[in-house]
Structure formats: structure tokens, C-alpha cells
N, C-alpha and C. Protein backbone atom coordinates (compact mmCIF):
# COMPACT_ATOMS: atom_id res chain seq x y z
N UNK A 1 27.06 -37.22 1.51
CA UNK A 1 27.35 -35.81 0.67
C UNK A 1 26.70 -35.11 0.65
N UNK A 2 27.58 -33.85 1.00
CA UNK A 2 26.93 -32.59 1.33
C UNK A 2 26.35 -31.87 0.31
N UNK A 3 25.52 -31.13 0.27
CA UNK A 3 24.82 -30.07 -0.57
C UNK A 3 24.07 -28.97 0.70
N UNK A 4 24.03 -27.91 -0.74
CA UNK A 4 23.62 -26.81 0.01
C UNK A 4 22.45 -25.91 -0.92
N UNK A 5 21.48 -25.51 -0.37
CA UNK A 5 20.47 -25.31 -0.91
C UNK A 5 20.38 -23.33 -0.38
N UNK A 6 19.85 -22.90 -1.50
CA UNK A 6 19.74 -21.39 -1.34
C UNK A 6 18.25 -20.79 -1.22
N UNK A 7 18.03 -20.33 0.08
CA UNK A 7 16.62 -19.95 -0.12
C UNK A 7 16.42 -18.24 -0.23
N UNK A 8 15.32 -17.95 -0.94
CA UNK A 8 15.20 -16.23 -1.23
C UNK A 8 13.90 -16.18 -0.49
N UNK A 9 13.89 -15.20 0.33
CA UNK A 9 12.30 -14.66 0.76
C UNK A 9 11.84 -13.98 -0.40
N UNK A 10 10.45 -13.84 -0.28
CA UNK A 10 9.80 -12.94 -1.16
C UNK A 10 10.68 -11.71 -1.32
N UNK A 11 10.44 -10.75 -2.62
CA UNK A 11 11.23 -9.67 -2.94
C UNK A 11 10.24 -8.41 -1.37
N UNK A 12 9.77 -8.71 -0.85
CA UNK A 12 8.93 -7.60 -0.05
C UNK A 12 8.78 -8.36 1.35
N UNK A 13 9.59 -9.64 1.69
CA UNK A 13 9.39 -10.01 3.00
C UNK A 13 9.78 -9.04 4.04
N UNK A 14 9.04 -8.96 5.14
CA UNK A 14 9.32 -7.70 6.42
C UNK A 14 8.87 -6.68 5.98
N UNK A 15 8.49 -6.15 4.71
CA UNK A 15 7.98 -5.12 4.63
C UNK A 15 6.56 -4.93 5.18
N UNK A 16 5.95 -3.37 5.58
CA UNK A 16 5.00 -2.87 5.89
C UNK A 16 4.57 -2.14 4.92
N UNK A 17 3.44 -2.14 4.49
CA UNK A 17 3.26 -1.24 3.45
C UNK A 17 1.51 -0.68 3.11
N UNK A 18 1.70 0.74 3.73
CA UNK A 18 0.45 0.91 3.32
C UNK A 18 -0.35 1.51 2.19
N UNK A 19 -1.21 1.50 1.67
CA UNK A 19 -1.78 1.62 0.31
C UNK A 19 -3.05 2.17 0.64
N UNK A 20 -2.87 3.61 -0.16
CA UNK A 20 -4.07 4.25 0.53
C UNK A 20 -4.62 4.57 -0.95
N UNK A 21 -6.48 4.38 -0.67
CA UNK A 21 -7.54 4.35 -1.79
C UNK A 21 -6.88 3.04 -2.45
N UNK A 22 -6.86 2.02 -1.81
CA UNK A 22 -6.61 0.82 -1.91
C UNK A 22 -7.64 -0.08 -2.75
N UNK A 23 -8.90 0.12 -2.73
CA UNK A 23 -10.10 -0.89 -2.72
C UNK A 23 -10.52 -1.25 -3.81
N UNK A 24 -10.06 0.10 -4.98
CA UNK A 24 -10.52 -0.13 -6.45
C UNK A 24 -9.27 0.28 -7.73
N UNK A 25 -9.85 -0.34 -8.70
CA UNK A 25 -8.65 0.14 -9.43
C UNK A 25 -7.30 -0.21 -9.55
N UNK A 26 -6.21 0.63 -9.72
CA UNK A 26 -4.87 0.43 -9.67
C UNK A 26 -4.30 0.48 -8.04
N UNK A 27 -4.72 1.12 -6.92
CA UNK A 27 -4.74 0.62 -5.74
C UNK A 27 -4.88 -0.59 -5.22
N UNK A 28 -6.14 -1.08 -5.79
CA UNK A 28 -6.13 -2.52 -5.52
C UNK A 28 -5.08 -3.47 -5.85
N UNK A 29 -4.89 -3.22 -7.34
CA UNK A 29 -3.81 -3.97 -8.04
C UNK A 29 -2.58 -3.54 -6.99
N UNK A 30 -2.26 -2.66 -6.57
CA UNK A 30 -0.96 -2.50 -6.01
C UNK A 30 -0.65 -3.13 -4.94
N UNK A 31 -2.19 -2.88 -3.79
CA UNK A 31 -2.63 -3.67 -2.73
C UNK A 31 -2.17 -5.43 -3.19
N UNK A 32 -2.89 -5.73 -3.95
CA UNK A 32 -2.64 -7.40 -4.04
C UNK A 32 -1.61 -7.62 -4.44
N UNK A 33 -0.70 -7.04 -5.44
CA UNK A 33 0.66 -7.93 -5.74
C UNK A 33 1.50 -7.50 -4.54
N UNK A 34 1.48 -6.26 -3.74
CA UNK A 34 2.18 -6.28 -2.90
C UNK A 34 2.10 -7.38 -1.44
N UNK A 35 1.00 -7.97 -1.55
CA UNK A 35 0.99 -9.13 -0.52
C UNK A 35 1.50 -10.16 -1.08
N UNK A 36 1.33 -10.59 -2.35
CA UNK A 36 1.91 -11.79 -3.01
C UNK A 36 3.24 -11.54 -2.95
N UNK A 37 3.69 -10.13 -2.97
CA UNK A 37 5.27 -10.30 -2.98
C UNK A 37 5.92 -10.80 -1.59
N UNK A 38 5.19 -10.59 -0.45
CA UNK A 38 5.35 -10.82 1.02
C UNK A 38 5.37 -9.77 1.68
N UNK A 39 4.98 -8.42 1.36
CA UNK A 39 4.91 -7.43 2.31
C UNK A 39 3.38 -7.52 3.36
N UNK A 40 3.53 -7.41 4.11
CA UNK A 40 2.27 -6.87 4.89
C UNK A 40 1.40 -5.54 4.72
N UNK A 41 0.14 -5.82 3.78
CA UNK A 41 -0.29 -4.56 3.70
C UNK A 41 -1.62 -4.08 4.36
N UNK A 42 -1.43 -2.47 4.59
CA UNK A 42 -2.30 -2.30 5.25
C UNK A 42 -3.52 -1.54 4.09
N UNK A 43 -4.40 -2.04 3.55
CA UNK A 43 -5.16 -1.76 2.72
C UNK A 43 -6.40 -0.27 3.57
N UNK A 44 -6.07 0.65 2.81
CA UNK A 44 -6.48 1.61 3.15
C UNK A 44 -7.94 2.39 2.78
N UNK A 45 -9.01 2.26 3.29
CA UNK A 45 -9.75 2.86 2.15
C UNK A 45 -10.24 4.25 2.69
N UNK A 46 -10.38 4.92 1.44
CA UNK A 46 -10.04 6.43 1.53
C UNK A 46 -12.17 6.67 1.11
N UNK A 47 -12.71 7.32 2.17
CA UNK A 47 -13.65 7.48 1.90
C UNK A 47 -13.92 8.93 1.81
N UNK A 48 -15.09 8.99 0.60
CA UNK A 48 -14.67 10.44 0.19
C UNK A 48 -16.33 10.92 0.11
N UNK A 49 -17.05 12.37 -0.19
CA UNK A 49 -17.89 12.74 -0.64
C UNK A 49 -17.90 12.36 -2.41
N UNK A 50 -19.07 11.59 -2.70
CA UNK A 50 -19.26 11.28 -4.28
C UNK A 50 -19.09 9.90 -4.58
N UNK A 51 -18.47 9.30 -3.53
CA UNK A 51 -18.16 7.80 -3.87
C UNK A 51 -19.16 6.96 -3.99
N UNK A 52 -19.38 6.57 -5.05
CA UNK A 52 -20.73 5.58 -5.51
C UNK A 52 -20.47 4.15 -4.69
N UNK A 53 -19.39 3.84 -3.62
CA UNK A 53 -19.46 2.60 -3.22
C UNK A 53 -18.92 2.70 -1.76
N UNK A 54 -19.18 1.56 -0.92
CA UNK A 54 -18.31 1.53 0.46
C UNK A 54 -17.39 1.31 0.46
N UNK A 55 -15.91 2.19 0.54
CA UNK A 55 -14.63 1.89 0.78
C UNK A 55 -14.24 1.21 1.73
N UNK A 56 -14.95 0.99 3.16
CA UNK A 56 -14.72 0.38 4.09
C UNK A 56 -14.92 -1.00 3.67
N UNK A 57 -16.11 -1.17 3.61
CA UNK A 57 -16.56 -2.39 3.06
C UNK A 57 -15.49 -3.13 2.01
N UNK A 58 -15.28 -2.17 0.98
CA UNK A 58 -14.43 -3.15 0.10
C UNK A 58 -13.05 -3.21 0.45
N UNK A 59 -12.44 -2.59 1.61
CA UNK A 59 -11.37 -3.07 1.93
C UNK A 59 -11.25 -4.32 2.65
N UNK A 60 -12.21 -4.54 3.67
CA UNK A 60 -12.62 -5.85 4.35
C UNK A 60 -12.48 -7.09 3.39
N UNK A 61 -13.42 -6.39 2.34
CA UNK A 61 -13.57 -7.94 1.74
C UNK A 61 -12.19 -8.03 0.91
N UNK A 62 -11.36 -7.14 0.68
CA UNK A 62 -10.14 -7.19 -0.22
C UNK A 62 -9.14 -7.92 0.96
N UNK A 63 -9.38 -7.96 2.01
CA UNK A 63 -8.32 -8.66 3.05
C UNK A 63 -8.57 -9.66 3.40
N UNK A 64 -9.99 -10.10 3.48
CA UNK A 64 -10.38 -11.37 3.48
C UNK A 64 -9.76 -12.51 2.41
N UNK A 65 -10.10 -11.64 1.32
CA UNK A 65 -9.92 -12.64 0.03
C UNK A 65 -8.03 -12.86 0.17
N UNK A 66 -7.31 -11.93 0.56
CA UNK A 66 -6.19 -12.00 0.71
C UNK A 66 -5.58 -13.16 2.01
N UNK A 67 -6.55 -12.76 3.02
CA UNK A 67 -6.09 -13.68 4.23
C UNK A 67 -6.10 -15.17 3.93
N UNK A 68 -7.26 -15.43 2.85
CA UNK A 68 -8.04 -16.98 2.64
C UNK A 68 -6.98 -17.31 1.93
N UNK A 69 -5.55 -16.70 1.30
CA UNK A 69 -4.56 -17.61 0.45
C UNK A 69 -3.70 -17.59 1.39
N UNK A 70 -3.85 -17.19 2.60
CA UNK A 70 -2.33 -16.92 3.62
C UNK A 70 -1.62 -15.83 3.28
N UNK A 71 -2.11 -14.37 2.83
CA UNK A 71 -1.13 -13.38 2.84
C UNK A 71 -1.67 -12.69 4.01
N UNK A 72 -1.29 -11.47 4.22
CA UNK A 72 -1.50 -10.44 5.32
C UNK A 72 -1.60 -9.12 4.66
N UNK A 73 -3.01 -8.93 5.09
CA UNK A 73 -3.86 -7.40 5.03
C UNK A 73 -4.42 -7.50 5.76
N UNK A 74 -4.51 -5.96 6.23
CA UNK A 74 -5.41 -5.51 7.39
C UNK A 74 -6.19 -4.39 6.88
N UNK A 75 -7.87 -4.07 6.63
CA UNK A 75 -8.11 -2.98 6.51
C UNK A 75 -8.07 -1.94 7.30
N UNK A 76 -8.00 -0.91 6.97
CA UNK A 76 -8.35 0.81 7.79
C UNK A 76 -8.98 1.54 6.89
N UNK A 77 -9.44 2.78 7.22
CA UNK A 77 -10.43 3.35 6.84
C UNK A 77 -9.93 4.92 7.25
N UNK A 78 -10.24 5.88 6.30
CA UNK A 78 -9.82 7.28 6.52
C UNK A 78 -10.81 8.11 5.85
N UNK A 79 -10.84 9.54 6.16
CA UNK A 79 -11.95 10.12 5.74
C UNK A 79 -11.35 11.40 4.89
N UNK A 80 -11.61 11.65 3.54
CA UNK A 80 -10.76 12.75 3.05
C UNK A 80 -11.31 13.98 3.77
N UNK A 81 -12.19 14.17 4.49
CA UNK A 81 -13.03 15.56 5.05
C UNK A 81 -12.31 15.75 6.37
N UNK A 82 -11.40 14.51 6.95
CA UNK A 82 -11.00 14.50 8.30
C UNK A 82 -9.89 13.96 8.17
N UNK A 83 -8.86 15.34 8.02
CA UNK A 83 -7.46 15.06 7.99
C UNK A 83 -6.69 14.56 9.18
N UNK A 84 -7.58 14.54 10.20
CA UNK A 84 -6.56 13.75 11.32
C UNK A 84 -6.92 12.32 11.51
N UNK A 85 -7.76 11.68 10.76
CA UNK A 85 -7.76 10.37 10.33
C UNK A 85 -6.37 9.80 9.66
N UNK A 86 -6.09 10.73 8.83
CA UNK A 86 -4.86 10.52 7.95
C UNK A 86 -3.52 10.53 8.82
N UNK A 87 -3.41 11.45 9.94
CA UNK A 87 -2.40 11.95 10.74
C UNK A 87 -2.53 10.90 11.76
N UNK A 88 -3.33 9.78 11.99
CA UNK A 88 -3.14 9.13 12.88
C UNK A 88 -2.82 7.73 12.31
N UNK A 89 -3.04 7.53 11.39
CA UNK A 89 -2.79 6.10 10.78
C UNK A 89 -1.44 5.62 10.49
N UNK A 90 -0.28 6.03 10.85
CA UNK A 90 1.19 5.55 10.69
C UNK A 90 0.97 4.75 12.12
N UNK A 91 0.47 5.59 13.20
CA UNK A 91 1.11 4.89 14.78
C UNK A 91 -0.23 3.59 14.76
N UNK A 92 -1.41 3.90 14.11
CA UNK A 92 -2.43 2.74 14.27
C UNK A 92 -1.87 1.72 13.71
N UNK A 93 -1.42 1.70 12.05
CA UNK A 93 -0.55 0.82 11.70
C UNK A 93 0.68 -0.20 12.29
N UNK A 94 1.15 0.80 13.32
CA UNK A 94 2.49 0.21 13.80
C UNK A 94 2.10 -0.72 14.63
N UNK A 95 1.04 -0.20 15.48
CA UNK A 95 0.55 -1.06 16.07
C UNK A 95 0.28 -2.27 15.89
N UNK A 96 -0.45 -2.42 15.19
CA UNK A 96 -1.09 -3.65 14.49
C UNK A 96 -0.10 -4.46 13.22
N UNK A 97 1.00 -3.78 12.90
CA UNK A 97 1.61 -4.91 11.40
C UNK A 97 3.05 -4.55 11.84
N UNK A 98 3.39 -3.76 12.69
CA UNK A 98 4.89 -3.14 12.43
C UNK A 98 5.11 -1.63 11.75
N UNK A 99 6.19 -1.32 12.18
CA UNK A 99 6.28 0.33 11.48
C UNK A 99 6.46 0.24 10.02
N UNK A 100 5.76 0.93 9.39
CA UNK A 100 5.44 1.09 7.94
C UNK A 100 7.17 1.33 7.34
N UNK A 101 7.07 0.80 6.28
CA UNK A 101 8.27 0.71 5.69
C UNK A 101 8.23 1.26 4.18
N UNK A 102 7.33 1.58 3.73
CA UNK A 102 6.51 2.20 2.69
C UNK A 102 5.27 2.59 2.65
N UNK A 103 4.83 3.84 1.75
CA UNK A 103 3.94 4.21 1.61
C UNK A 103 3.19 4.60 0.34
N UNK A 104 2.07 4.07 -0.39
CA UNK A 104 1.71 4.52 -1.74
C UNK A 104 0.44 5.24 -1.60
N UNK A 105 0.40 6.15 -1.67
CA UNK A 105 -0.90 7.16 -1.88
C UNK A 105 -1.57 7.24 -3.65
N UNK A 106 -2.50 6.50 -3.67
CA UNK A 106 -3.26 6.67 -4.73
C UNK A 106 -3.83 8.11 -5.28
N UNK A 107 -3.66 8.91 -6.04
CA UNK A 107 -4.31 10.25 -6.28
C UNK A 107 -5.07 10.33 -7.44
N UNK A 108 -6.28 10.36 -7.46
CA UNK A 108 -7.36 10.76 -8.38
C UNK A 108 -6.37 11.45 -9.85
N UNK A 109 -7.02 10.86 -10.87
CA UNK A 109 -6.44 11.67 -11.90
C UNK A 109 -6.44 12.64 -11.86
N UNK A 110 -5.29 13.90 -12.55
CA UNK A 110 -5.44 15.59 -12.27
C UNK A 110 -6.70 15.86 -12.90
N UNK A 111 -7.20 15.59 -14.07
CA UNK A 111 -8.21 16.00 -14.59
C UNK A 111 -9.89 15.87 -13.87
N UNK A 112 -9.57 14.80 -12.56
CA UNK A 112 -10.67 14.60 -12.16
C UNK A 112 -11.54 15.81 -11.59
N UNK A 113 -12.59 15.76 -11.74
CA UNK A 113 -13.81 16.74 -11.06
C UNK A 113 -13.53 16.57 -9.67
N UNK A 114 -13.73 17.91 -9.04
CA UNK A 114 -13.89 18.19 -7.90
C UNK A 114 -12.81 18.31 -6.96
N UNK A 115 -12.74 18.66 -5.86
CA UNK A 115 -11.59 19.09 -4.93
C UNK A 115 -10.75 17.93 -4.31
N UNK A 116 -10.96 16.23 -4.80
CA UNK A 116 -10.84 15.25 -4.52
C UNK A 116 -9.00 15.04 -4.87
N UNK A 117 -8.78 15.40 -5.75
CA UNK A 117 -7.14 15.32 -6.09
C UNK A 117 -6.25 16.13 -4.95
N UNK A 118 -7.01 17.04 -4.81
CA UNK A 118 -6.15 18.09 -3.49
C UNK A 118 -6.37 17.70 -2.61
N UNK A 119 -7.61 17.14 -2.18
CA UNK A 119 -7.58 16.73 -0.93
C UNK A 119 -6.98 15.20 -0.32
N UNK A 120 -6.41 14.72 -1.08
CA UNK A 120 -5.56 13.32 -1.28
C UNK A 120 -4.11 13.85 -0.94
N UNK A 121 -3.57 14.75 -2.08
CA UNK A 121 -2.49 14.98 -1.46
C UNK A 121 -1.92 16.00 -0.30
N UNK A 122 -3.20 16.45 0.35
CA UNK A 122 -3.18 16.82 1.59
C UNK A 122 -3.00 15.83 2.67
N UNK A 123 -3.70 14.79 2.55
CA UNK A 123 -3.69 13.51 3.30
C UNK A 123 -2.47 12.98 3.18
N UNK A 124 -1.87 12.76 1.90
CA UNK A 124 -0.56 12.05 1.61
C UNK A 124 0.36 12.67 2.25
N UNK A 125 0.57 14.10 2.77
CA UNK A 125 1.49 14.85 3.33
C UNK A 125 1.36 14.60 4.83
N UNK A 126 -0.10 14.36 5.25
CA UNK A 126 -0.14 14.08 6.57
C UNK A 126 0.00 13.00 7.01
N UNK A 127 0.26 11.85 6.53
CA UNK A 127 0.56 10.72 6.14
C UNK A 127 2.01 10.53 6.30
N UNK A 128 2.57 11.32 5.24
CA UNK A 128 4.17 11.54 5.44
C UNK A 128 4.93 12.03 6.47
N UNK A 129 4.22 12.65 7.40
CA UNK A 129 4.92 13.35 8.34
C UNK A 129 4.93 12.22 9.38
N UNK A 130 3.81 11.32 9.50
CA UNK A 130 3.78 10.49 10.34
C UNK A 130 4.40 9.28 10.31
N UNK A 131 5.18 8.97 9.12
CA UNK A 131 6.19 7.91 8.76
C UNK A 131 7.35 7.84 9.31
N UNK A 132 7.97 6.69 9.60
CA UNK A 132 9.17 6.87 9.93
C UNK A 132 10.23 7.13 9.24
N UNK A 133 11.80 8.03 9.36
CA UNK A 133 12.26 8.61 8.24
C UNK A 133 12.88 7.87 7.34
N UNK A 134 12.96 6.45 7.55
CA UNK A 134 13.49 5.83 6.64
C UNK A 134 12.63 4.90 5.81
N UNK A 135 11.02 5.29 5.76
CA UNK A 135 9.85 5.06 5.13
C UNK A 135 9.99 5.59 3.74
N UNK A 136 9.75 4.69 2.52
CA UNK A 136 9.32 5.23 1.37
C UNK A 136 8.15 5.44 1.25
N UNK A 137 7.98 6.91 0.36
CA UNK A 137 6.71 7.56 0.47
C UNK A 137 6.53 7.59 -1.01
N UNK A 138 5.43 7.23 -1.94
CA UNK A 138 4.95 7.49 -3.03
C UNK A 138 3.90 8.02 -3.24
N UNK A 139 3.71 8.69 -4.13
CA UNK A 139 2.28 9.23 -4.55
C UNK A 139 2.41 9.02 -6.17
N UNK A 140 1.04 8.51 -6.40
CA UNK A 140 1.01 7.65 -7.77
C UNK A 140 -0.59 8.26 -8.41
N UNK A 141 -0.26 8.98 -9.50
CA UNK A 141 -1.76 9.13 -10.19
C UNK A 141 -2.74 7.91 -10.76
N UNK A 142 -4.09 8.00 -10.47
CA UNK A 142 -4.83 6.52 -10.92
C UNK A 142 -4.36 6.76 -12.40
N UNK A 143 -4.56 5.94 -13.11
CA UNK A 143 -5.04 5.80 -14.54
C UNK A 143 -5.94 4.66 -14.92
N UNK A 144 -6.39 4.68 -15.74
CA UNK A 144 -7.96 3.87 -15.74
C UNK A 144 -7.65 2.32 -16.84
N UNK A 145 -6.67 2.85 -17.82
CA UNK A 145 -6.21 1.71 -19.01
C UNK A 145 -5.51 0.60 -18.06
N UNK A 146 -5.74 -0.48 -18.45
CA UNK A 146 -5.09 -1.54 -17.84
C UNK A 146 -4.17 -1.80 -18.07
N UNK A 147 -3.32 -1.69 -19.30
CA UNK A 147 -2.11 -1.75 -19.48
C UNK A 147 -1.14 -0.57 -18.85
N UNK A 148 -1.60 0.50 -18.63
CA UNK A 148 -1.49 1.48 -18.33
C UNK A 148 -1.11 1.63 -16.47
N UNK A 149 -2.24 0.83 -15.78
CA UNK A 149 -2.04 0.18 -14.89
C UNK A 149 -1.13 -0.90 -14.22
N UNK A 150 -1.01 -1.44 -15.28
CA UNK A 150 0.09 -2.95 -15.16
C UNK A 150 1.47 -2.06 -14.97
N UNK A 151 1.77 -1.00 -16.00
CA UNK A 151 2.89 -0.22 -16.16
C UNK A 151 3.45 0.26 -14.59
N UNK A 152 2.27 0.52 -13.76
CA UNK A 152 2.43 1.77 -12.95
C UNK A 152 2.45 0.94 -11.80
N UNK A 153 1.68 -0.35 -11.71
CA UNK A 153 1.91 -1.12 -10.47
C UNK A 153 3.37 -1.65 -10.65
N UNK A 154 3.96 -2.15 -11.98
CA UNK A 154 5.49 -2.47 -12.15
C UNK A 154 6.50 -1.62 -11.49
N UNK A 155 6.30 -0.52 -11.90
CA UNK A 155 6.90 0.46 -11.41
C UNK A 155 7.03 0.63 -10.11
N UNK A 156 5.83 1.04 -9.20
CA UNK A 156 5.67 0.58 -7.76
C UNK A 156 6.35 -0.55 -7.27
N UNK A 157 6.11 -1.80 -7.76
CA UNK A 157 6.81 -2.79 -7.21
C UNK A 157 8.15 -2.78 -7.33
N UNK A 158 9.04 -2.63 -8.34
CA UNK A 158 10.32 -2.22 -8.85
C UNK A 158 10.79 -1.26 -7.85
N UNK A 159 10.44 0.10 -7.18
CA UNK A 159 10.92 0.76 -6.46
C UNK A 159 11.01 0.63 -5.03
N UNK A 160 9.91 -0.67 -4.63
CA UNK A 160 9.76 -1.10 -3.31
C UNK A 160 10.87 -2.47 -2.99
N UNK A 161 10.88 -2.92 -4.13
CA UNK A 161 11.31 -4.44 -3.77
C UNK A 161 13.01 -3.75 -3.79
N UNK A 162 13.50 -2.76 -4.96
CA UNK A 162 15.04 -2.21 -5.00
C UNK A 162 15.02 -1.74 -3.56
N UNK A 163 14.16 -1.13 -2.88
CA UNK A 163 14.45 -0.43 -1.69
C UNK A 163 14.83 -1.47 -0.52
N UNK A 164 13.85 -2.60 -0.66
CA UNK A 164 13.76 -3.78 0.53
C UNK A 164 14.83 -4.74 0.09
N UNK A 165 15.49 -4.90 -0.89
CA UNK A 165 16.48 -5.67 -1.00
C UNK A 165 17.97 -4.75 -0.28
N UNK A 166 17.78 -3.58 -0.65
CA UNK A 166 18.82 -2.60 0.19
C UNK A 166 19.01 -2.78 1.32
N UNK A 167 17.67 -3.07 2.02
CA UNK A 167 17.58 -2.55 3.57
C UNK A 167 18.24 -4.19 4.40
N UNK A 168 18.17 -5.11 4.01
CA UNK A 168 18.10 -6.35 4.57
C UNK A 168 18.55 -7.14 3.50
N UNK A 169 19.19 -8.21 3.83
CA UNK A 169 19.75 -9.34 3.04
C UNK A 169 18.73 -10.72 3.36
N UNK A 170 17.94 -11.14 2.35
CA UNK A 170 17.09 -12.12 2.62
C UNK A 170 17.48 -13.15 1.91
N UNK A 171 18.83 -13.58 2.03
CA UNK A 171 19.18 -15.05 1.63
C UNK A 171 19.77 -16.01 2.72
N UNK A 172 19.63 -16.98 2.69
CA UNK A 172 20.53 -17.82 3.98
C UNK A 172 20.76 -19.15 3.13
N UNK A 173 21.91 -19.71 3.34
CA UNK A 173 22.24 -20.99 3.14
C UNK A 173 22.22 -22.16 4.31
N UNK A 174 21.35 -23.28 3.97
CA UNK A 174 21.58 -24.18 4.77
C UNK A 174 22.40 -25.35 4.61
């Protein structure tokens, strides 16, 4: 008796996504959700003056947590005071995970004190310049409210999944 089964890959299978400032808050949620949707994620810790935690350690711990459940994430570190660390990032990630299909840069809220939002926008432009021409580049402004974070995560996921599904057919019949 013949039968056919349709298998669907996760919505972001074969995607390689950089998430910059991915170690806390909405950036961490985006990175985690992207991994769960099948993407290989570059968890980029953005070190900056005044940061109360160790971003690089946070990135390593998040990647270990994700790897422990079978997901693919690698930690990277950049310094907002050193733009050259951002320019080299796409090539470094391509060597480890493959060419980036997308990049999400989390920008501190516009009302944040100090020069950090502007520095992150400069960094975002440096990364964008090194991405493959077909890669999606998103800047998202961080939000604190959990409901707003969830809406932002859903928006990012929807945009990247739609883009990924238009790039490749992910269904196969057996």
C-alpha cells in the first residue's frame, strides 16, 4: 500500500544569523528563538564601557545551553569602542558557520544615556558592509517590557522566516 509523507524543515533551516548584543534581554530571546527555528546563530556579545556584566561569558553560557539541547550557536565578541572588530565579524562567522543569511543588531533604546546607541548604529553599518548582498540586515531597538519583547521577537522571526522560505524550498516527499 503506497503512502507519502511530507517532511518540513524548520522555518529557518540552513539560515546563518548574526545576533549582535544577544546576551541579555530581547537579543537573547531573539537568538534563542532563531536557534529553535533551525538557524545556526552567531551569538555576538557587544562589550561596551559601563556594561555591568561580562558579555563574552554570557555569550559562551548561552551557546552552551543551546548546544546542550542540540541547537547550533557559537559565541563571538566585539567591542563598541573598536569598530574593526565589527568589520571582521561576517568573515569570521562565514568561516565557522557559513555565509550569513541575516543579521539582527539590537540597538539600545533611543532614550538610553550616553553614546552607546550611536556606537551600535555605527557598528551595525560596519557589519552590513561585510554581509553578502542577499543577506537581510535588521536593526531593532531594545525594549524592556516582556510583552513588547515578545512582539518584537515575533516580528523578527516572521520577517526572517518569510525571507528564508522564499529563498529555498524546504519540503520533500518520500
